Every structure is written in C-alpha cells, then in structure tokens.
Protein backbone atom coordinates (compact mmCIF):
# COMPACT_ATOMS: atom_id res chain seq x y z
CA MET A 1 -67.69 214.78 95.12
CA SER A 2 -67.22 211.37 93.32
CA ALA A 3 -64.09 212.44 91.97
CA MET A 4 -62.69 213.42 95.27
CA ARG A 5 -63.70 209.87 96.41
CA ALA A 6 -61.81 208.34 93.63
CA LEU A 7 -58.45 210.48 94.29
CA ASP A 8 -58.72 209.49 97.72
CA MET A 9 -58.87 205.67 96.95
CA ASN A 10 -55.76 205.89 94.72
CA ILE A 11 -53.97 207.77 97.42
CA LYS A 12 -55.17 205.29 99.91
CA GLY A 13 -53.47 202.39 97.70
CA GLU A 14 -50.18 204.48 97.03
CA VAL A 15 -49.55 204.78 101.08
CA VAL A 16 -50.80 201.24 101.41
CA ALA A 17 -47.77 200.11 98.90
CA MET A 18 -45.33 202.64 100.30
CA LEU A 19 -46.02 201.31 103.80
CA GLY A 20 -45.45 197.63 102.36
CA PHE A 21 -42.27 198.41 100.33
CA ALA A 22 -41.13 200.11 103.52
CA GLY A 23 -41.69 196.86 105.64
CA ALA A 24 -39.94 194.60 102.76
CA ALA A 25 -36.92 196.98 103.28
CA VAL A 26 -36.88 196.48 106.62
CA THR A 27 -37.47 192.61 106.55
CA LEU A 28 -34.31 192.57 103.91
CA TRP A 29 -32.07 194.49 106.61
CA LEU A 30 -33.14 192.14 109.50
CA GLY A 31 -32.62 189.29 107.16
CA MET A 32 -29.35 190.50 106.00
CA MET A 33 -27.82 191.82 109.54
CA TRP A 34 -30.07 190.42 112.63
CA ALA A 35 -31.31 187.04 111.92
CA PRO A 36 -29.38 184.01 112.96
CA SER A 37 -27.61 182.09 110.24
CA VAL A 38 -28.34 178.36 109.73
CA SER A 39 -26.27 175.74 110.16
CA ILE A 40 -23.39 175.07 108.18
CA SER A 41 -23.85 171.48 108.14
CA ALA A 42 -27.20 171.87 106.54
CA PHE A 43 -26.40 174.36 103.82
CA LYS A 44 -23.25 174.69 101.44
CA ALA A 45 -23.71 178.70 101.43
CA PRO A 46 -25.25 179.30 104.91
CA GLU A 47 -24.72 183.05 104.38
CA ALA A 48 -26.56 182.87 101.03
CA GLN A 49 -29.41 181.50 103.14
CA ARG A 50 -30.34 184.92 104.29
CA ILE A 51 -31.86 185.75 101.09
CA PHE A 52 -34.88 183.35 102.32
CA TYR A 53 -36.38 186.47 104.01
CA TRP A 54 -36.95 188.23 100.77
CA HIS A 55 -37.57 185.22 98.67
CA VAL A 56 -40.27 183.13 100.37
CA PRO A 57 -42.46 186.36 101.30
CA SER A 58 -42.26 187.67 97.75
CA ALA A 59 -43.44 184.00 96.46
CA TRP A 60 -46.30 184.35 98.94
CA ALA A 61 -46.90 187.53 97.64
CA ALA A 62 -47.03 186.52 93.86
CA MET A 63 -49.26 183.56 94.89
CA ILE A 64 -51.91 186.35 96.34
CA ALA A 65 -51.33 188.41 92.82
CA PHE A 66 -52.15 185.26 90.95
CA GLY A 67 -54.94 184.67 92.81
CA LEU A 68 -56.64 188.06 92.46
CA LEU A 69 -55.58 187.47 88.88
CA PHE A 70 -57.83 184.60 88.57
CA VAL A 71 -60.79 186.21 90.40
CA GLY A 72 -60.64 189.26 87.83
CA SER A 73 -60.17 186.95 85.03
CA ILE A 74 -63.10 184.48 85.68
CA TYR A 75 -65.48 187.41 86.67
CA TRP A 76 -64.52 189.79 83.66
CA PHE A 77 -65.21 186.18 81.55
CA PHE A 78 -68.79 185.66 82.71
CA LYS A 79 -69.79 189.05 84.22
CA ARG A 80 -68.25 191.60 81.75
CA SER A 81 -67.69 193.77 84.72
CA ASP A 82 -65.23 196.78 84.49
CA TRP A 83 -64.14 196.42 88.10
CA ALA A 84 -63.12 192.77 87.43
CA TRP A 85 -61.02 193.93 84.26
CA ARG A 86 -59.13 196.56 86.23
CA LEU A 87 -58.32 193.57 88.94
CA HIS A 88 -57.00 191.24 86.44
CA VAL A 89 -54.87 194.08 84.98
CA ALA A 90 -53.48 195.15 88.11
CA SER A 91 -53.08 191.83 89.64
CA SER A 92 -51.27 190.43 86.35
CA GLU A 93 -48.57 193.44 87.09
CA ALA A 94 -48.54 192.84 90.75
CA GLY A 95 -47.90 189.14 89.84
CA LEU A 96 -45.11 189.81 87.61
CA ALA A 97 -43.43 192.25 89.79
CA THR A 98 -43.37 189.81 92.92
CA GLY A 99 -42.79 186.63 90.52
CA LEU A 100 -39.74 188.77 89.38
CA MET A 101 -38.60 189.24 92.78
CA CYS A 102 -38.95 185.74 93.95
CA VAL A 103 -37.09 184.28 90.70
CA TRP A 104 -34.45 186.77 91.08
CA SER A 105 -33.62 186.26 94.89
CA GLY A 106 -33.86 182.54 94.05
CA CYS A 107 -30.95 182.53 91.46
CA ILE A 108 -28.88 184.08 93.84
CA TRP A 109 -29.56 181.72 96.43
CA GLY A 110 -29.17 178.79 93.83
CA ALA A 111 -25.76 180.04 92.42
CA ALA A 112 -24.34 180.03 96.05
CA GLU A 113 -26.00 176.99 97.21
CA TRP A 114 -26.09 174.75 94.21
CA GLY A 115 -23.35 176.45 91.92
CA VAL A 116 -25.93 177.21 89.35
CA PRO A 117 -28.84 179.66 89.04
CA TRP A 118 -31.45 177.28 88.03
CA ASP A 119 -32.36 173.65 87.85
CA TRP A 120 -34.52 172.53 85.09
CA THR A 121 -35.31 169.42 86.20
CA ASP A 122 -37.08 170.78 89.12
CA VAL A 123 -40.67 171.02 89.00
CA ARG A 124 -41.15 173.73 91.64
CA LEU A 125 -38.97 175.99 89.59
CA ASN A 126 -40.24 175.42 86.12
CA THR A 127 -43.89 176.05 87.16
CA PHE A 128 -43.59 179.27 89.34
CA ALA A 129 -41.20 180.25 86.23
CA ILE A 130 -44.17 179.52 83.85
CA LEU A 131 -46.58 181.53 86.33
CA THR A 132 -44.42 184.37 85.94
CA LEU A 133 -43.83 184.51 82.07
CA LEU A 134 -47.73 184.23 82.13
CA SER A 135 -47.99 187.22 83.83
CA LEU A 136 -45.11 188.98 81.80
CA TYR A 137 -47.33 187.90 78.67
CA LEU A 138 -50.67 189.29 80.03
CA VAL A 139 -48.67 192.76 80.87
CA MET A 140 -47.19 193.01 77.41
CA GLY A 141 -49.67 191.52 75.64
CA ARG A 142 -52.52 194.01 76.81
CA ARG A 143 -50.06 196.89 75.81
CA SER A 144 -49.41 195.73 72.34
CA GLN A 145 -53.20 195.01 71.60
CA PRO A 146 -56.03 197.30 71.30
CA ASP A 147 -58.54 197.21 73.70
CA GLY A 148 -61.88 195.38 73.43
CA VAL A 149 -64.32 192.72 74.38
CA GLU A 150 -62.24 190.09 72.60
CA THR A 151 -58.88 191.04 73.74
CA ARG A 152 -60.13 190.75 77.34
CA ASP A 153 -61.49 187.54 76.95
CA THR A 154 -58.33 186.12 75.26
CA PHE A 155 -56.40 187.28 78.33
CA ALA A 156 -58.83 186.43 80.74
CA ALA A 157 -58.87 182.74 79.71
CA PHE A 158 -54.95 182.91 79.99
CA GLY A 159 -55.73 183.98 83.37
CA MET A 160 -58.16 181.48 84.38
CA PHE A 161 -56.33 178.52 83.23
CA GLY A 162 -52.99 179.71 84.21
CA PHE A 163 -54.27 179.54 87.67
CA ALA A 164 -53.90 175.91 87.79
CA LEU A 165 -50.46 176.10 88.17
CA VAL A 166 -50.78 177.85 91.82
CA PRO A 167 -51.81 174.64 93.57
CA LEU A 168 -49.34 172.57 91.70
CA THR A 169 -46.57 174.90 92.33
CA TYR A 170 -47.43 174.83 96.07
CA ILE A 171 -47.37 171.06 96.47
CA ALA A 172 -44.62 170.35 93.93
CA THR A 173 -41.99 169.85 96.71
CA ARG A 174 -44.02 167.49 98.32
CA LEU A 175 -44.74 165.37 95.40
CA TRP A 176 -41.15 165.76 93.47
CA GLN A 177 -38.52 167.04 95.77
CA ILE A 178 -35.62 167.21 93.83
CA ARG A 179 -33.40 170.29 94.64
CA HIS A 180 -35.66 172.75 95.65
CA PRO A 181 -35.99 173.07 99.72
CA GLY A 182 -39.06 171.23 101.15
CA PRO A 183 -41.56 173.37 103.25
CA VAL A 184 -40.20 174.70 106.58
CA VAL A 185 -43.52 176.74 107.69
CA ALA A 186 -46.89 175.07 108.42
CA THR A 187 -45.31 171.65 108.69
CA SER A 188 -44.76 168.81 111.16
CA GLU A 189 -41.36 168.73 109.80
CA GLY A 190 -40.34 171.73 109.34
CA SER A 191 -39.21 174.27 112.26
CA LEU A 192 -37.67 177.83 111.95
CA ASN A 193 -35.92 179.65 115.11
CA SER A 194 -37.63 182.23 116.85
CA ASP A 195 -35.68 185.11 115.59
CA MET A 196 -35.90 183.84 112.01
CA SER A 197 -39.69 183.32 112.08
CA ILE A 198 -40.28 187.12 113.67
CA VAL A 199 -38.30 188.22 110.09
CA LEU A 200 -40.38 185.90 108.17
CA PHE A 201 -43.70 186.94 109.52
CA LEU A 202 -42.61 190.44 109.17
CA GLY A 203 -41.72 189.63 105.45
CA ALA A 204 -45.00 187.96 104.29
CA ILE A 205 -46.88 190.94 105.88
CA SER A 206 -44.71 193.34 104.15
CA PHE A 207 -45.06 191.59 100.79
CA THR A 208 -48.70 191.18 101.39
CA THR A 209 -49.57 194.97 102.23
CA LEU A 210 -47.22 195.84 99.07
CA THR A 211 -48.89 193.45 96.58
CA VAL A 212 -52.56 194.91 98.04
CA GLY A 213 -51.72 198.54 97.83
CA TYR A 214 -50.30 198.02 94.28
CA VAL A 215 -53.05 196.70 93.12
CA MET A 216 -55.59 199.21 94.66
CA ALA A 217 -53.33 201.79 93.17
CA GLY A 218 -53.25 199.63 89.51
CA MET A 219 -56.87 199.24 89.46
CA ARG A 220 -57.37 203.20 90.02
CA LEU A 221 -54.98 204.12 87.25
CA THR A 222 -56.28 201.63 84.95
CA LYS A 223 -59.82 203.24 85.49
CA LEU A 224 -58.06 206.67 84.29
CA GLU A 225 -56.58 204.84 81.17
CA MET A 226 -59.84 203.40 80.31
CA ARG A 227 -61.34 206.89 80.76
CA LEU A 228 -58.76 208.55 78.89
CA GLU A 229 -59.09 206.06 76.08
CA GLU A 230 -62.84 206.77 75.60
CA LEU A 231 -62.39 210.28 75.80
CA GLN A 232 -59.77 210.03 72.84
CA GLY A 233 -62.28 207.87 70.97
CA GLN A 234 -65.22 210.53 71.25
CA TYR A 235 -62.88 213.14 70.40
CA GLU A 236 -61.73 211.41 67.21
CA GLU A 237 -65.34 210.59 66.25
CA ARG A 238 -66.43 214.71 66.60
CA MET A 239 -63.30 215.10 64.40
CA ARG A 240 -64.35 212.98 61.63
C-alpha cells in the first residue's frame, strides 16, 4: 500500500509539472502572437520585449526554487532529515532549469535592446547569474561526489548562504538601476496594459506550477535513487 501511495505521489508530481509546462507554452505563444507590443519610443527593439512574458515568470519561478532550496538546506543542516535533503536536491535542479531559462531569455532581449547580451556592470544580472551558477555547482557537485553526511553538509551550507543573494537580486534595480529595467509589477511607478497583465499572470501561475511539480517529482526520484544506493551497498557487503 505504501508503494502504491509513493507511486501515486510521483505521478501527481509529473502531472503537475506537465500542466505547468503546457501553461508556459501557451504563455509564450500568447506573448509572441496576441499580447500588444510596447511603445517604440520606450524600447529600441519593441518586438524583442515580448520575451518578457517568458523571462519574468521564469525569474519568479527561479526565486521560488531558490527559496525551497534554502528551506531544504537549513532543515537538513540542523535536523538531518532525509526529506529535507530530497527537497534540497530537487529544488537545486529546479533552480538551475528556471535560472537558465531566465538567463537565456534575458540574453536574447539584451542582444536586441542593448546590442550586447550581457552587461557586467548591472548588479541584478550578476547576482542572478551567481545564483544560477550556484545551482549548477550543487547539481554537478552532488553527482560527482559520494553521498554522505559531510558531503550533504557542504552543499547545504552553500544552499543556505547563497540564499542571501535572493533579496539582493530582488531589490537590485531599486538600489542600482543601471540598464536592467526597473520593476513594473506591484509598484506605484509601474503599470501594464490589461492584456499584458493577463499573459504575465498566466505565465507566473504556469511557471510556479511547473516548478512545484518538478520539485514533487524530483523529491520522489531522489528517494528512489537513495534507496537504490542503499540496496547496492547492502549487496556489496554481502558479497564480501
């Protein structure tokens, strides 16, 4: 019965992720084909701004993933919970995926609007890039190191301290707005056309759903990997 419940949870995670992915695809289509374009006086490449409907939700989803990474890291470090470690693993992978989506889409826009895909003087770009590289380090590092308490503690420490960049990234354009556009949502200065808001809201919901579903499925997969490693260790002990 417990195995059936575990399988059901894994299927639910995959279903949630697929729903989120479908919503993200619809968001991209609406952003490219349906949402109104911005004023040509405000942007040098107004059509390239349409990537905004993919870029902003993916950045939002990445922040959620980094928040879950922090929860899993700190809970493992102080409570030694296998559940927390699985959350750490799954959310670091989700953070890497959504972070790369955000960086990739931002480079497309930057190349069209600024003439260069990246501005090394912009604080927000650099802090977000560091967060994405941190996720890459956690994902690749975990796969290259043998599992154990010391290894988990090391990666959990990086997950905890790296989270300090999340609020810094969020407020960066308020403190040091250089080239990256300032906030346009939930601010008194920013405003969006109603059709733009609909597409952006759909994107935020879709990417959130995708991230949550991925983390759910990823936690289950990590549990199976841990069980397989345990069984392999028991088999090797018996063969000696």
